[in-house]
Protein backbone atom coordinates (compact mmCIF):
# COMPACT_ATOMS: atom_id res chain seq x y z
CA MET A 1 162.42 66.83 88.28
CA PRO A 2 160.28 69.98 87.74
CA ARG A 3 161.36 72.92 89.86
CA ALA A 4 157.96 73.23 91.57
CA ALA A 5 157.98 69.55 92.61
CA TYR A 6 161.53 69.90 93.90
CA ARG A 7 160.58 72.93 96.01
CA TYR A 8 157.53 71.05 97.39
CA ARG A 9 159.62 68.03 98.39
CA ARG A 10 162.23 70.32 99.91
CA ARG A 11 159.61 72.10 102.01
CA ARG A 12 158.23 68.77 103.23
CA TYR A 13 161.71 67.58 104.12
CA ASN A 14 162.46 70.78 106.07
CA ALA A 15 159.11 70.64 107.86
CA GLY A 16 159.68 67.01 108.84
CA ARG A 17 163.18 67.79 110.05
CA GLU A 18 161.92 70.71 112.15
CA ARG A 19 159.24 68.50 113.75
CA ALA A 20 161.84 65.83 114.55
CA LEU A 21 164.14 68.41 116.14
CA GLN A 22 161.21 69.84 118.08
CA HIS A 23 160.32 66.41 119.45
CA ILE A 24 163.92 65.81 120.47
CA GLU A 25 164.00 69.15 122.29
CA GLU A 26 160.66 68.46 123.98
CA ALA A 27 161.92 65.09 125.19
CA ARG A 28 165.12 66.71 126.49
CA ARG A 29 163.17 69.34 128.39
CA LEU A 30 160.87 66.70 129.88
CA THR A 31 163.77 64.58 131.06
CA GLU A 32 165.35 67.67 132.61
CA GLU A 33 162.05 68.69 134.20
CA LEU A 34 161.61 65.29 135.84
CA GLY A 35 165.17 65.24 137.11
CA GLY A 36 166.72 62.54 134.96
CA THR A 37 165.10 59.51 133.41
CA ASP A 38 161.41 59.85 132.62
CA GLN A 39 160.93 56.13 131.98
CA ASP A 40 159.95 55.34 135.57
CA VAL A 41 157.35 58.12 135.49
CA LYS A 42 155.91 56.77 132.24
CA GLU A 43 155.71 53.28 133.73
CA TYR A 44 153.79 54.67 136.69
CA PHE A 45 151.45 56.62 134.43
CA PHE A 46 150.65 53.61 132.22
CA SER A 47 150.02 51.41 135.26
CA LEU A 48 147.29 53.67 136.67
CA PRO A 49 143.87 52.10 137.22
CA ASN A 50 141.18 53.26 134.79
CA SER A 51 139.44 55.37 137.44
CA GLU A 52 142.59 57.38 138.18
CA LEU A 53 143.44 57.69 134.51
CA ARG A 54 139.97 59.04 133.77
CA ALA A 55 140.37 61.68 136.48
CA ILE A 56 143.65 62.83 134.93
CA LEU A 57 142.11 62.93 131.45
CA ASP A 58 139.16 64.93 132.81
CA GLU A 59 141.56 67.59 134.07
CA TYR A 60 143.58 67.32 130.87
CA GLU A 61 140.42 68.11 128.88
CA VAL A 62 139.62 71.11 131.09
CA GLN A 63 143.08 72.57 130.54
CA PHE A 64 143.77 71.64 126.92
CA GLY A 65 140.43 70.94 125.29
CA SER A 66 138.33 67.98 124.18
CA ALA A 67 140.41 67.33 121.04
CA ALA A 68 143.55 66.87 123.16
CA ARG A 69 141.70 64.47 125.43
CA GLU A 70 140.28 62.51 122.51
CA TYR A 71 143.74 62.13 120.99
CA ALA A 72 145.18 60.97 124.31
CA GLU A 73 142.41 58.40 124.81
CA GLN A 74 142.85 57.06 121.28
CA THR A 75 146.66 56.90 121.56
CA ILE A 76 147.36 55.86 125.14
CA GLU A 77 147.52 52.14 124.36
CA LYS A 78 149.95 52.82 121.50
CA TRP A 79 152.06 55.01 123.82
CA SER A 80 152.09 52.22 126.36
CA ASN A 81 153.23 49.47 123.98
CA GLY A 82 155.70 51.73 122.17
CA ARG A 83 153.96 51.78 118.78
CA VAL A 84 153.67 55.57 119.03
CA LYS A 85 156.16 57.79 120.88
CA MET A 86 154.57 60.21 123.33
CA SER A 87 155.79 63.72 122.59
CA GLY A 88 157.58 65.63 125.31
CA MET A 89 154.91 68.34 125.27
CA VAL A 90 152.04 65.89 125.83
CA ALA A 91 153.99 63.95 128.45
CA SER A 92 154.89 67.13 130.31
CA ARG A 93 151.24 68.22 130.39
CA LEU A 94 150.01 64.85 131.60
CA PHE A 95 152.77 64.24 134.12
CA GLN A 96 152.21 67.59 135.82
CA MET A 97 148.85 66.20 136.92
CA LEU A 98 150.34 63.12 138.59
CA PRO A 99 152.01 64.35 141.82
CA PRO A 100 148.92 65.88 143.47
CA ARG A 101 147.14 62.50 143.09
CA MET A 102 150.14 60.30 143.84
CA PRO A 103 150.38 58.45 147.17
CA LEU A 104 153.48 59.19 149.21
CA SER A 105 154.66 55.60 148.80
CA GLU A 106 154.88 56.08 145.03
CA LYS A 107 156.71 59.37 145.47
CA TYR A 108 159.21 57.54 147.64
CA ARG A 109 159.69 54.91 144.95
CA LEU A 110 160.22 57.46 142.18
CA ILE A 111 162.71 59.45 144.23
CA GLU A 112 164.56 56.25 145.15
CA ASN A 113 164.94 55.31 141.48
CA LEU A 114 166.83 58.50 140.75
CA TRP A 115 168.72 58.41 144.07
CA ASN A 116 170.19 55.04 143.12
CA HIS A 117 171.75 56.70 140.07
CA VAL A 118 172.96 60.00 141.53
CA GLY A 119 173.16 59.44 145.28
CA PRO A 120 176.40 59.31 147.29
CA ARG A 121 178.71 56.30 147.00
CA SER A 122 180.97 54.84 149.64
CA LYS A 123 183.36 51.97 150.18
CA HIS A 124 184.57 51.45 153.75
CA THR A 125 185.85 48.76 156.10
CA LEU A 126 184.57 48.50 159.66
CA ARG A 127 187.25 46.77 161.74
CA ILE A 128 185.60 45.04 164.69
CA GLY A 129 187.23 43.55 167.78
CA LEU A 130 185.71 40.54 169.52
CA ASN A 131 185.00 42.67 172.59
CA SER A 132 182.55 44.82 170.56
CA THR A 133 178.79 44.80 170.91
CA VAL A 134 176.24 45.04 168.14
CA GLU A 135 175.17 48.46 169.45
CA GLN A 136 178.73 49.78 169.16
CA VAL A 137 178.89 48.53 165.58
CA LEU A 138 175.47 50.00 164.68
CA LEU A 139 176.45 53.33 166.23
CA ALA A 140 179.48 53.48 163.93
CA VAL A 141 177.34 52.53 160.93
CA ARG A 142 174.73 55.20 161.72
CA LYS A 143 177.39 57.86 162.14
CA HIS A 144 179.02 56.88 158.86
CA ILE A 145 175.78 57.00 156.84
CA ASP A 146 174.58 60.18 158.54
CA GLU A 147 177.80 62.02 157.73
CA LEU A 148 177.82 60.71 154.18
CA VAL A 149 174.19 61.52 153.33
CA VAL A 150 173.60 64.67 155.36
CA ARG A 151 176.72 66.36 153.98
CA TYR A 152 175.93 65.24 150.44
CA ARG A 153 175.06 68.12 148.12
CA ILE A 154 171.83 67.28 146.33
CA PRO A 155 172.54 67.53 142.55
CA ASP A 156 170.34 69.64 140.31
CA ASN A 157 168.56 66.72 138.65
CA LEU A 158 167.54 65.22 141.99
CA GLU A 159 166.46 68.65 143.20
CA ARG A 160 164.18 68.97 140.16
CA ARG A 161 162.52 65.66 140.91
CA PHE A 162 161.98 66.80 144.50
CA GLU A 163 160.30 69.93 143.15
CA TRP A 164 158.13 67.99 140.71
CA LEU A 165 156.93 65.49 143.30
CA ALA A 166 156.42 68.03 146.07
CA VAL A 167 154.34 70.42 143.90
CA GLY A 168 155.56 73.38 145.92
CA ASP A 169 154.84 71.73 149.29
CA ALA A 170 157.94 72.23 151.48
CA GLN A 171 156.77 69.61 153.98
CA VAL A 172 156.45 66.91 151.30
CA LYS A 173 159.88 67.85 149.95
CA GLN A 174 161.40 67.44 153.43
CA GLU A 175 159.64 64.10 153.90
CA LEU A 176 161.12 62.84 150.62
CA LEU A 177 164.62 63.88 151.68
CA ASN A 178 164.20 62.35 155.15
CA HIS A 179 162.99 59.14 153.55
CA LEU A 180 166.16 58.83 151.47
CA ARG A 181 168.37 59.45 154.48
CA ASN A 182 166.52 56.97 156.67
CA MET A 183 166.34 54.38 153.90
CA GLU A 184 170.13 54.33 153.46
CA LYS A 185 170.73 54.03 157.17
CA THR A 186 168.05 51.41 157.77
CA LEU A 187 169.19 49.09 154.99
CA VAL A 188 172.86 49.22 155.95
CA GLU A 189 171.95 48.72 159.62
CA GLN A 190 169.76 45.76 158.75
CA GLY A 191 172.56 44.04 156.86
CA THR A 192 174.99 44.70 159.70
CA ARG A 193 172.59 43.45 162.36
CA GLU A 194 172.03 40.21 160.43
CA GLN A 195 175.72 39.45 159.86
CA PHE A 196 177.19 40.59 163.16
CA PRO A 197 176.03 37.79 165.52
CA ILE A 198 176.73 35.04 162.97
CA MET A 199 180.31 36.11 162.40
CA LEU A 200 181.02 36.95 166.02
CA ASP A 201 179.70 33.60 167.26
CA HIS A 202 181.83 31.78 164.71
CA LEU A 203 185.03 33.58 165.68
CA ARG A 204 184.37 32.94 169.36
CA SER A 205 183.72 29.25 168.81
CA ASP A 206 186.29 26.49 169.27
CA GLU A 207 186.10 25.69 165.57
CA SER A 208 187.72 29.00 164.67
CA ARG A 209 190.74 28.87 166.97
CA HIS A 210 193.02 29.03 163.92
CA THR A 211 190.97 31.81 162.26
CA HIS A 212 192.15 35.27 163.26
CA ARG A 213 190.08 37.39 160.91
CA MET A 214 186.77 37.09 159.09
CA ALA A 215 185.16 39.52 156.64
CA GLN A 216 181.75 39.98 155.11
CA ILE A 217 180.83 42.68 152.57
CA ILE A 218 177.42 44.32 152.79
CA ARG A 219 176.28 46.04 149.59
CA VAL A 220 173.29 48.35 149.80
CA GLY A 221 172.53 50.62 146.85
CA ASN A 222 175.69 52.64 146.20
CA HIS A 223 177.32 51.65 149.48
CA GLU A 224 179.78 48.88 150.19
CA LEU A 225 180.65 48.16 153.82
CA GLU A 226 183.11 45.44 154.75
CA LEU A 227 182.62 44.01 158.24
CA LEU A 228 186.09 42.86 159.24
CA PHE A 229 186.22 40.90 162.49
CA ASP A 230 189.75 40.79 163.86
CA LYS A 231 190.79 38.92 167.01
CA LYS A 232 193.75 41.28 167.37
CA ALA A 233 191.59 44.45 167.18
CA SER A 234 189.77 46.21 169.99
CA GLY A 235 186.59 48.21 169.68
CA VAL A 236 185.22 49.47 166.37
CA ALA A 237 187.02 51.59 163.79
CA LEU A 238 185.91 52.74 160.33
CA HIS A 239 188.43 52.98 157.49
CA PRO A 240 187.89 54.17 153.88
CA ASN A 241 188.91 51.70 151.16
């Protein structure tokens, strides 16, 4: 092969390799910026109605020019179906325009997606005597979840998603955190409230005179709570597994 042709092919190879490495780095930075996975954010973006998408592209054009908008409009369908990979730089630019237009319900959903991966985990048994009331049981459940979630140190990736969604608004950031705390407590309480009367009635019935204990496991997100009804127990006591 002539030397000039070899040098040309070598330059093309190096340029292609540099672009590939750049795209990998851009994708890494985007994932870090969004606090973890960016797939759920992309799914939200591609599901936007045309009117909302046009508004984002209008702003995109103002900030980055008509050529950038034209490319985005021509490529968005290919991005959506995976035929073309959206670069981290383009995604970062577009996704920064989402939170100010995003309803709070969608922000809740996107923060929940990451919370399910990085949030606190627990596995406990709640030993319940037949003299207990549902309010005593729910009080123990609330205390358990409150202590678990409130004391939990928010990891850096979740903190970054808070920052991205809140767009510098401290009130929105607090609402997102409160939502996660209340969601955990509400779901575990709901499962407990549904199971408690069924199991208690069964153990108190004549049919269960030979049954001394009955257990039901409630799984909510990263939490596993075993409701253990014990005829020999009194009151309510929580034990780690």
